[in-house]
Amino acid sequence: MKTIEMDSIGQTDNFALRLAIFFWKEYNPNAVSIAYAELVKRGCPISKSIYEKMNEFLENQLLVENEN
């Protein structure tokens, strides 16, 4: 799984952060959360498609947590 490191988040551009959310299945769950938090911190607009992907991610995380 792909990841985003906290020490390099400042050098990661907004497009790459959006890609981590859009392709959340390919990324470590922590990376997706970090990407979204960083976009919010930067004041970037969250498009409808990114919002929907984030909802998919969160629903999946709830299912995984409930299975354990």
PDB file of N, CA and C in Angstrom:
ATOM      1  N   MET A   1       0.827  -1.183   0.000  1.00  0.00           N
ATOM      2  CA  MET A   1       0.000   0.000   0.000  1.00  0.00           C
ATOM      3  C   MET A   1       0.874   1.250   0.000  1.00  0.00           C
ATOM      4  N   LYS A   2       0.386   2.259  -0.673  1.00  0.00           N
ATOM      5  CA  LYS A   2       1.099   3.532  -0.723  1.00  0.00           C
ATOM      6  C   LYS A   2       0.870   4.282   0.585  1.00  0.00           C
ATOM      7  N   THR A   3       1.781   5.184   0.878  1.00  0.00           N
ATOM      8  CA  THR A   3       1.656   5.964   2.101  1.00  0.00           C
ATOM      9  C   THR A   3       2.100   7.398   1.857  1.00  0.00           C
ATOM     10  N   ILE A   4       1.778   8.262   2.781  1.00  0.00           N
ATOM     11  CA  ILE A   4       2.231   9.646   2.781  1.00  0.00           C
ATOM     12  C   ILE A   4       2.892   9.872   4.126  1.00  0.00           C
ATOM     13  N   GLU A   5       4.118  10.312   4.097  1.00  0.00           N
ATOM     14  CA  GLU A   5       4.871  10.513   5.331  1.00  0.00           C
ATOM     15  C   GLU A   5       4.623  11.915   5.882  1.00  0.00           C
ATOM     16  N   MET A   6       4.500  12.007   7.184  1.00  0.00           N
ATOM     17  CA  MET A   6       4.261  13.300   7.831  1.00  0.00           C
ATOM     18  C   MET A   6       5.406  14.277   7.575  1.00  0.00           C
ATOM     19  N   ASP A   7       6.638  13.790   7.519  1.00  0.00           N
ATOM     20  CA  ASP A   7       7.765  14.700   7.327  1.00  0.00           C
ATOM     21  C   ASP A   7       7.853  15.277   5.920  1.00  0.00           C
ATOM     22  N   SER A   8       7.136  14.693   4.969  1.00  0.00           N
ATOM     23  CA  SER A   8       7.156  15.204   3.599  1.00  0.00           C
ATOM     24  C   SER A   8       5.826  15.815   3.172  1.00  0.00           C
ATOM     25  N   ILE A   9       4.863  15.869   4.062  1.00  0.00           N
ATOM     26  CA  ILE A   9       3.534  16.372   3.693  1.00  0.00           C
ATOM     27  C   ILE A   9       3.587  17.815   3.199  1.00  0.00           C
ATOM     28  N   GLY A  10       4.472  18.617   3.755  1.00  0.00           N
ATOM     29  CA  GLY A  10       4.586  20.016   3.340  1.00  0.00           C
ATOM     30  C   GLY A  10       5.046  20.183   1.905  1.00  0.00           C
ATOM     31  N   GLN A  11       5.780  19.199   1.382  1.00  0.00           N
ATOM     32  CA  GLN A  11       6.263  19.265   0.005  1.00  0.00           C
ATOM     33  C   GLN A  11       5.318  18.567  -0.983  1.00  0.00           C
ATOM     34  N   THR A  12       4.279  17.960  -0.472  1.00  0.00           N
ATOM     35  CA  THR A  12       3.323  17.251  -1.331  1.00  0.00           C
ATOM     36  C   THR A  12       2.310  18.249  -1.872  1.00  0.00           C
ATOM     37  N   ASP A  13       2.158  18.265  -3.198  1.00  0.00           N
ATOM     38  CA  ASP A  13       1.227  19.243  -3.772  1.00  0.00           C
ATOM     39  C   ASP A  13      -0.230  18.804  -3.603  1.00  0.00           C
ATOM     40  N   ASN A  14      -1.121  19.751  -3.783  1.00  0.00           N
ATOM     41  CA  ASN A  14      -2.550  19.500  -3.577  1.00  0.00           C
ATOM     42  C   ASN A  14      -3.083  18.409  -4.499  1.00  0.00           C
ATOM     43  N   PHE A  15      -2.585  18.364  -5.736  1.00  0.00           N
ATOM     44  CA  PHE A  15      -3.036  17.351  -6.682  1.00  0.00           C
ATOM     45  C   PHE A  15      -2.725  15.950  -6.165  1.00  0.00           C
ATOM     46  N   ALA A  16      -1.515  15.757  -5.654  1.00  0.00           N
ATOM     47  CA  ALA A  16      -1.121  14.448  -5.116  1.00  0.00           C
ATOM     48  C   ALA A  16      -1.971  14.077  -3.905  1.00  0.00           C
ATOM     49  N   LEU A  17      -2.293  15.049  -3.078  1.00  0.00           N
ATOM     50  CA  LEU A  17      -3.151  14.786  -1.918  1.00  0.00           C
ATOM     51  C   LEU A  17      -4.550  14.370  -2.368  1.00  0.00           C
ATOM     52  N   ARG A  18      -5.055  15.043  -3.379  1.00  0.00           N
ATOM     53  CA  ARG A  18      -6.381  14.676  -3.911  1.00  0.00           C
ATOM     54  C   ARG A  18      -6.365  13.274  -4.511  1.00  0.00           C
ATOM     55  N   LEU A  19      -5.272  12.928  -5.184  1.00  0.00           N
ATOM     56  CA  LEU A  19      -5.157  11.581  -5.758  1.00  0.00           C
ATOM     57  C   LEU A  19      -5.184  10.509  -4.675  1.00  0.00           C
ATOM     58  N   ALA A  20      -4.545  10.792  -3.538  1.00  0.00           N
ATOM     59  CA  ALA A  20      -4.540   9.822  -2.437  1.00  0.00           C
ATOM     60  C   ALA A  20      -5.960   9.562  -1.943  1.00  0.00           C
ATOM     61  N   ILE A  21      -6.788  10.589  -1.966  1.00  0.00           N
ATOM     62  CA  ILE A  21      -8.183  10.418  -1.542  1.00  0.00           C
ATOM     63  C   ILE A  21      -8.980   9.723  -2.636  1.00  0.00           C
ATOM     64  N   PHE A  22      -8.796  10.159  -3.872  1.00  0.00           N
ATOM     65  CA  PHE A  22      -9.560   9.578  -4.974  1.00  0.00           C
ATOM     66  C   PHE A  22      -9.264   8.088  -5.148  1.00  0.00           C
ATOM     67  N   PHE A  23      -8.006   7.705  -4.951  1.00  0.00           N
ATOM     68  CA  PHE A  23      -7.602   6.292  -5.081  1.00  0.00           C
ATOM     69  C   PHE A  23      -7.323   5.703  -3.704  1.00  0.00           C
ATOM     70  N   TRP A  24      -8.211   5.952  -2.764  1.00  0.00           N
ATOM     71  CA  TRP A  24      -8.002   5.573  -1.365  1.00  0.00           C
ATOM     72  C   TRP A  24      -7.737   4.086  -1.170  1.00  0.00           C
ATOM     73  N   LYS A  25      -8.228   3.244  -2.030  1.00  0.00           N
ATOM     74  CA  LYS A  25      -8.027   1.802  -1.870  1.00  0.00           C
ATOM     75  C   LYS A  25      -6.562   1.406  -2.038  1.00  0.00           C
ATOM     76  N   GLU A  26      -5.785   2.244  -2.715  1.00  0.00           N
ATOM     77  CA  GLU A  26      -4.373   1.958  -2.949  1.00  0.00           C
ATOM     78  C   GLU A  26      -3.475   2.490  -1.833  1.00  0.00           C
ATOM     79  N   TYR A  27      -4.062   3.259  -0.915  1.00  0.00           N
ATOM     80  CA  TYR A  27      -3.271   3.930   0.113  1.00  0.00           C
ATOM     81  C   TYR A  27      -3.557   3.381   1.503  1.00  0.00           C
ATOM     82  N   ASN A  28      -2.566   3.484   2.339  1.00  0.00           N
ATOM     83  CA  ASN A  28      -2.708   3.188   3.755  1.00  0.00           C
ATOM     84  C   ASN A  28      -3.796   4.108   4.311  1.00  0.00           C
ATOM     85  N   PRO A  29      -4.712   3.604   5.151  1.00  0.00           N
ATOM     86  CA  PRO A  29      -5.776   4.458   5.697  1.00  0.00           C
ATOM     87  C   PRO A  29      -5.262   5.726   6.389  1.00  0.00           C
ATOM     88  N   ASN A  30      -4.126   5.624   7.063  1.00  0.00           N
ATOM     89  CA  ASN A  30      -3.540   6.799   7.700  1.00  0.00           C
ATOM     90  C   ASN A  30      -3.193   7.867   6.670  1.00  0.00           C
ATOM     91  N   ALA A  31      -2.683   7.441   5.522  1.00  0.00           N
ATOM     92  CA  ALA A  31      -2.290   8.364   4.460  1.00  0.00           C
ATOM     93  C   ALA A  31      -3.501   9.134   3.934  1.00  0.00           C
ATOM     94  N   VAL A  32      -4.620   8.449   3.800  1.00  0.00           N
ATOM     95  CA  VAL A  32      -5.833   9.102   3.306  1.00  0.00           C
ATOM     96  C   VAL A  32      -6.301  10.159   4.302  1.00  0.00           C
ATOM     97  N   SER A  33      -6.290   9.811   5.570  1.00  0.00           N
ATOM     98  CA  SER A  33      -6.683  10.764   6.610  1.00  0.00           C
ATOM     99  C   SER A  33      -5.745  11.967   6.640  1.00  0.00           C
ATOM    100  N   ILE A  34      -4.451  11.713   6.509  1.00  0.00           N
ATOM    101  CA  ILE A  34      -3.460  12.782   6.498  1.00  0.00           C
ATOM    102  C   ILE A  34      -3.673  13.694   5.290  1.00  0.00           C
ATOM    103  N   ALA A  35      -3.919  13.098   4.131  1.00  0.00           N
ATOM    104  CA  ALA A  35      -4.130  13.880   2.909  1.00  0.00           C
ATOM    105  C   ALA A  35      -5.339  14.797   3.056  1.00  0.00           C
ATOM    106  N   TYR A  36      -6.434  14.274   3.568  1.00  0.00           N
ATOM    107  CA  TYR A  36      -7.637  15.088   3.729  1.00  0.00           C
ATOM    108  C   TYR A  36      -7.405  16.208   4.745  1.00  0.00           C
ATOM    109  N   ALA A  37      -6.795  15.875   5.865  1.00  0.00           N
ATOM    110  CA  ALA A  37      -6.527  16.882   6.894  1.00  0.00           C
ATOM    111  C   ALA A  37      -5.630  17.992   6.351  1.00  0.00           C
ATOM    112  N   GLU A  38      -4.665  17.631   5.539  1.00  0.00           N
ATOM    113  CA  GLU A  38      -3.754  18.638   4.976  1.00  0.00           C
ATOM    114  C   GLU A  38      -4.484  19.544   3.986  1.00  0.00           C
ATOM    115  N   LEU A  39      -5.355  18.975   3.176  1.00  0.00           N
ATOM    116  CA  LEU A  39      -6.128  19.804   2.246  1.00  0.00           C
ATOM    117  C   LEU A  39      -7.004  20.803   3.008  1.00  0.00           C
ATOM    118  N   VAL A  40      -7.629  20.341   4.058  1.00  0.00           N
ATOM    119  CA  VAL A  40      -8.463  21.232   4.884  1.00  0.00           C
ATOM    120  C   VAL A  40      -7.594  22.309   5.525  1.00  0.00           C
ATOM    121  N   LYS A  41      -6.453  21.909   6.051  1.00  0.00           N
ATOM    122  CA  LYS A  41      -5.534  22.855   6.688  1.00  0.00           C
ATOM    123  C   LYS A  41      -5.090  23.939   5.710  1.00  0.00           C
ATOM    124  N   ARG A  42      -4.858  23.547   4.470  1.00  0.00           N
ATOM    125  CA  ARG A  42      -4.423  24.497   3.444  1.00  0.00           C
ATOM    126  C   ARG A  42      -5.569  25.362   2.923  1.00  0.00           C
ATOM    127  N   GLY A  43      -6.785  25.042   3.306  1.00  0.00           N
ATOM    128  CA  GLY A  43      -7.937  25.811   2.839  1.00  0.00           C
ATOM    129  C   GLY A  43      -8.321  25.504   1.405  1.00  0.00           C
ATOM    130  N   CYS A  44      -7.948  24.331   0.926  1.00  0.00           N
ATOM    131  CA  CYS A  44      -8.268  23.939  -0.446  1.00  0.00           C
ATOM    132  C   CYS A  44      -9.750  23.573  -0.555  1.00  0.00           C
ATOM    133  N   PRO A  45     -10.377  23.982  -1.636  1.00  0.00           N
ATOM    134  CA  PRO A  45     -11.775  23.578  -1.826  1.00  0.00           C
ATOM    135  C   PRO A  45     -11.866  22.063  -2.027  1.00  0.00           C
ATOM    136  N   ILE A  46     -12.872  21.475  -1.418  1.00  0.00           N
ATOM    137  CA  ILE A  46     -13.105  20.036  -1.539  1.00  0.00           C
ATOM    138  C   ILE A  46     -14.219  19.834  -2.564  1.00  0.00           C
ATOM    139  N   SER A  47     -13.857  19.241  -3.692  1.00  0.00           N
ATOM    140  CA  SER A  47     -14.845  19.023  -4.754  1.00  0.00           C
ATOM    141  C   SER A  47     -15.834  17.936  -4.338  1.00  0.00           C
ATOM    142  N   LYS A  48     -16.934  17.892  -5.058  1.00  0.00           N
ATOM    143  CA  LYS A  48     -17.957  16.881  -4.776  1.00  0.00           C
ATOM    144  C   LYS A  48     -17.397  15.468  -4.939  1.00  0.00           C
ATOM    145  N   SER A  49     -16.565  15.257  -5.945  1.00  0.00           N
ATOM    146  CA  SER A  49     -16.013  13.912  -6.170  1.00  0.00           C
ATOM    147  C   SER A  49     -15.060  13.501  -5.042  1.00  0.00           C
ATOM    148  N   ILE A  50     -14.267  14.436  -4.544  1.00  0.00           N
ATOM    149  CA  ILE A  50     -13.369  14.134  -3.427  1.00  0.00           C
ATOM    150  C   ILE A  50     -14.192  13.882  -2.168  1.00  0.00           C
ATOM    151  N   TYR A  51     -15.214  14.685  -1.958  1.00  0.00           N
ATOM    152  CA  TYR A  51     -16.100  14.503  -0.808  1.00  0.00           C
ATOM    153  C   TYR A  51     -16.744  13.110  -0.843  1.00  0.00           C
ATOM    154  N   GLU A  52     -17.213  12.693  -2.016  1.00  0.00           N
ATOM    155  CA  GLU A  52     -17.835  11.376  -2.161  1.00  0.00           C
ATOM    156  C   GLU A  52     -16.832  10.253  -1.917  1.00  0.00           C
ATOM    157  N   LYS A  53     -15.611  10.421  -2.423  1.00  0.00           N
ATOM    158  CA  LYS A  53     -14.580   9.398  -2.194  1.00  0.00           C
ATOM    159  C   LYS A  53     -14.217   9.316  -0.710  1.00  0.00           C
ATOM    160  N   MET A  54     -14.186  10.463  -0.045  1.00  0.00           N
ATOM    161  CA  MET A  54     -13.883  10.461   1.385  1.00  0.00           C
ATOM    162  C   MET A  54     -15.001   9.744   2.145  1.00  0.00           C
ATOM    163  N   ASN A  55     -16.233   9.935   1.741  1.00  0.00           N
ATOM    164  CA  ASN A  55     -17.353   9.215   2.365  1.00  0.00           C
ATOM    165  C   ASN A  55     -17.231   7.710   2.157  1.00  0.00           C
ATOM    166  N   GLU A  56     -16.860   7.290   0.940  1.00  0.00           N
ATOM    167  CA  GLU A  56     -16.642   5.861   0.665  1.00  0.00           C
ATOM    168  C   GLU A  56     -15.564   5.310   1.601  1.00  0.00           C
ATOM    169  N   PHE A  57     -14.471   6.049   1.705  1.00  0.00           N
ATOM    170  CA  PHE A  57     -13.360   5.649   2.573  1.00  0.00           C
ATOM    171  C   PHE A  57     -13.829   5.489   4.015  1.00  0.00           C
ATOM    172  N   LEU A  58     -14.546   6.477   4.522  1.00  0.00           N
ATOM    173  CA  LEU A  58     -15.002   6.431   5.915  1.00  0.00           C
ATOM    174  C   LEU A  58     -15.987   5.293   6.155  1.00  0.00           C
ATOM    175  N   GLU A  59     -16.878   5.048   5.209  1.00  0.00           N
ATOM    176  CA  GLU A  59     -17.810   3.925   5.335  1.00  0.00           C
ATOM    177  C   GLU A  59     -17.046   2.608   5.377  1.00  0.00           C
ATOM    178  N   ASN A  60     -16.035   2.479   4.524  1.00  0.00           N
ATOM    179  CA  ASN A  60     -15.219   1.276   4.505  1.00  0.00           C
ATOM    180  C   ASN A  60     -14.500   1.103   5.827  1.00  0.00           C
ATOM    181  N   GLN A  61     -13.961   2.183   6.381  1.00  0.00           N
ATOM    182  CA  GLN A  61     -13.242   2.110   7.654  1.00  0.00           C
ATOM    183  C   GLN A  61     -14.179   1.659   8.769  1.00  0.00           C
ATOM    184  N   LEU A  62     -15.412   2.111   8.763  1.00  0.00           N
ATOM    185  CA  LEU A  62     -16.377   1.680   9.772  1.00  0.00           C
ATOM    186  C   LEU A  62     -16.661   0.183   9.661  1.00  0.00           C
ATOM    187  N   LEU A  63     -16.791  -0.290   8.427  1.00  0.00           N
ATOM    188  CA  LEU A  63     -17.021  -1.726   8.211  1.00  0.00           C
ATOM    189  C   LEU A  63     -15.837  -2.547   8.708  1.00  0.00           C
ATOM    190  N   VAL A  64     -14.643  -2.108   8.421  1.00  0.00           N
ATOM    191  CA  VAL A  64     -13.435  -2.820   8.861  1.00  0.00           C
ATOM    192  C   VAL A  64     -13.358  -2.843  10.374  1.00  0.00           C
ATOM    193  N   GLU A  65     -13.636  -1.723  11.013  1.00  0.00           N
ATOM    194  CA  GLU A  65     -13.591  -1.659  12.476  1.00  0.00           C
ATOM    195  C   GLU A  65     -14.647  -2.547  13.098  1.00  0.00           C
ATOM    196  N   ASN A  66     -15.814  -2.625  12.501  1.00  0.00           N
ATOM    197  CA  ASN A  66     -16.891  -3.461  13.038  1.00  0.00           C
ATOM    198  C   ASN A  66     -16.614  -4.954  12.866  1.00  0.00           C
ATOM    199  N   GLU A  67     -15.787  -5.299  11.867  1.00  0.00           N
ATOM    200  CA  GLU A  67     -15.435  -6.701  11.667  1.00  0.00           C
ATOM    201  C   GLU A  67     -14.464  -7.194  12.732  1.00  0.00           C
ATOM    202  N   ASN A  68     -13.691  -6.295  13.287  1.00  0.00           N
ATOM    203  CA  ASN A  68     -12.676  -6.677  14.277  1.00  0.00           C
ATOM    204  C   ASN A  68     -13.257  -6.766  15.636  1.00  0.00           C
TER     205      ASN A  68
END
